[in-house]
Protein backbone atom coordinates (compact mmCIF):
# COMPACT_ATOMS: atom_id res chain seq x y z
CA MET A 1 -58.34 72.17 20.10
CA ALA A 2 -60.63 71.35 17.19
CA LEU A 3 -62.28 74.77 17.38
CA LYS A 4 -58.88 76.49 17.38
CA VAL A 5 -57.85 74.59 14.26
CA LEU A 6 -61.21 75.35 12.65
CA THR A 7 -60.84 79.10 13.25
CA GLU A 8 -57.31 79.04 11.78
CA HIS A 9 -58.60 77.17 8.73
CA THR A 10 -61.51 79.59 8.41
CA ALA A 11 -59.09 82.53 8.27
CA ARG A 12 -57.08 80.74 5.56
CA SER A 13 -60.24 79.88 3.63
CA MET A 14 -60.98 83.57 3.07
CA LYS A 15 -57.97 83.72 0.71
CA CYS A 16 -59.25 80.84 -1.46
CA SER A 17 -61.23 81.17 -4.68
CA ILE A 18 -63.85 78.59 -5.63
CA GLU A 19 -64.80 77.08 -8.98
CA TRP A 20 -67.69 74.64 -9.47
CA ASN A 21 -66.68 71.30 -10.95
CA SER A 22 -69.68 69.16 -11.79
CA ASP A 23 -67.66 65.93 -11.77
CA THR A 24 -66.32 65.98 -8.22
CA GLY A 25 -67.80 69.01 -6.51
CA TYR A 26 -65.56 72.05 -6.13
CA GLU A 27 -62.11 73.12 -7.23
CA VAL A 28 -60.56 75.49 -4.72
CA LEU A 29 -57.55 77.61 -5.61
CA GLU A 30 -55.18 78.62 -2.83
CA GLY A 31 -52.26 80.53 -4.30
CA HIS A 32 -50.79 78.40 -7.09
CA PHE A 33 -52.34 75.17 -5.80
CA ARG A 34 -55.65 73.68 -6.95
CA HIS A 35 -57.52 71.30 -4.63
CA VAL A 36 -60.58 69.19 -5.40
CA VAL A 37 -63.21 69.10 -2.63
CA ASP A 38 -66.00 66.50 -2.58
CA LEU A 39 -68.47 67.51 0.13
CA PRO A 40 -70.74 64.42 0.11
CA ARG A 41 -67.75 62.12 0.64
CA GLN A 42 -66.02 64.67 2.94
CA THR A 43 -62.72 64.51 1.05
CA CYS A 44 -60.18 67.01 -0.23
CA SER A 45 -57.14 66.41 -2.42
CA CYS A 46 -54.88 67.97 0.25
CA ARG A 47 -55.94 65.03 2.52
CA ALA A 48 -55.93 67.19 5.69
CA TRP A 49 -59.70 66.81 6.19
CA MET A 50 -59.48 63.02 6.03
CA LEU A 51 -56.43 62.82 8.31
CA LYS A 52 -57.55 65.21 11.05
CA GLY A 53 -61.33 64.94 10.86
CA ILE A 54 -61.53 68.75 10.80
CA PRO A 55 -62.45 70.52 7.54
CA CYS A 56 -59.42 71.98 5.77
CA PRO A 57 -59.44 75.59 4.48
CA HIS A 58 -60.45 74.39 1.00
CA ALA A 59 -63.43 72.45 2.37
CA ILE A 60 -64.46 75.41 4.54
CA ALA A 61 -64.43 77.67 1.48
CA ALA A 62 -66.69 75.19 -0.35
CA LEU A 63 -68.97 74.85 2.70
CA HIS A 64 -69.33 78.63 2.98
CA HIS A 65 -70.12 78.77 -0.74
CA LYS A 66 -73.02 76.34 -0.17
CA ARG A 67 -74.00 78.25 3.00
CA LEU A 68 -73.33 75.24 5.27
CA ASN A 69 -71.92 75.35 8.79
CA PRO A 70 -68.36 73.88 8.99
CA MET A 71 -69.01 72.96 12.66
CA ASP A 72 -71.39 70.23 11.45
CA TYR A 73 -68.55 68.61 9.48
CA ILE A 74 -66.10 68.12 12.37
CA SER A 75 -65.61 64.42 13.17
CA GLN A 76 -67.55 62.97 16.11
CA TRP A 77 -64.24 61.98 17.72
CA TYR A 78 -63.81 65.60 18.86
CA SER A 79 -67.19 65.77 20.61
CA ARG A 80 -67.59 66.00 24.36
CA ASP A 81 -69.76 62.86 24.49
CA THR A 82 -67.09 60.75 22.80
CA TYR A 83 -64.46 62.08 25.22
CA ILE A 84 -66.63 61.17 28.21
CA LYS A 85 -67.34 57.67 26.81
CA THR A 86 -63.61 57.10 26.34
CA TYR A 87 -62.81 57.64 30.02
CA SER A 88 -66.02 56.21 31.50
CA TYR A 89 -64.47 52.77 32.10
CA PHE A 90 -61.96 51.82 34.73
CA ILE A 91 -58.52 51.16 33.25
CA GLN A 92 -57.03 47.92 34.53
CA THR A 93 -53.44 47.99 35.68
CA VAL A 94 -50.72 46.04 33.87
CA LEU A 95 -49.38 42.97 35.64
CA ASN A 96 -45.91 43.00 37.13
CA LEU A 97 -43.05 42.27 34.73
CA LYS A 98 -42.18 39.12 36.71
CA MET A 99 -45.64 37.69 35.95
CA TRP A 100 -45.28 38.03 32.17
CA PRO A 101 -44.63 34.83 30.22
CA PRO A 102 -41.03 34.47 29.05
CA SER A 103 -40.38 35.70 25.52
CA THR A 104 -38.79 33.57 22.83
CA ASN A 105 -37.68 36.62 20.85
CA PRO A 106 -33.98 37.59 20.91
CA THR A 107 -33.11 40.32 23.39
CA VAL A 108 -32.27 43.75 22.03
CA ILE A 109 -28.75 44.83 22.91
CA PRO A 110 -28.19 48.62 23.01
CA LEU A 111 -25.42 50.16 20.96
CA GLU A 112 -22.16 50.97 22.70
CA VAL A 113 -21.67 54.57 23.74
CA ARG A 114 -18.96 56.24 21.68
CA LYS A 115 -17.13 59.44 22.48
CA MET A 116 -17.81 61.96 19.75
CA PRO A 117 -14.82 63.44 17.90
CA GLY A 118 -13.73 67.00 18.58
CA ARG A 119 -13.16 69.10 21.64
CA PRO A 120 -16.07 69.16 24.09
CA LYS A 121 -17.96 72.43 24.48
CA THR A 122 -17.29 74.26 27.74
CA VAL A 123 -19.75 77.16 27.41
CA ARG A 124 -23.49 76.69 26.97
CA ARG A 125 -24.95 78.18 23.80
CA LYS A 126 -27.42 80.88 24.79
CA GLU A 127 -30.70 81.62 23.08
CA ALA A 128 -31.08 84.80 21.04
CA SER A 129 -33.46 86.24 23.65
CA GLU A 130 -31.05 85.69 26.60
CA PRO A 131 -28.73 88.51 27.70
CA LYS A 132 -25.04 88.01 27.02
């Protein structure tokens, strides 16, 4: 999944133009938008790199400009070793509901079901790709 996202971002990064900014690193222009990329801190002003852990198109453009491999900047959470460590332990089952301690919180009562106004539909709406 991470490699698929990285290849999509790499294709988008080819449309970006790069300007050096000595204060924060790089300014990357994508269309009418300007993003600031800081490679040492691994941040971008679009925030996609920090949220996903996969370099965004702006960061990939800056990495290619410095001749660095974007694969080295993918978060360790996407690695095979981390995946194997996650599922290496036995997951304990949850105790039966009857064994739980009683709660002092008020019970949540569901809303009453109301009949919606208007005449009910009798024919199913078909998709555009289905024959009529």
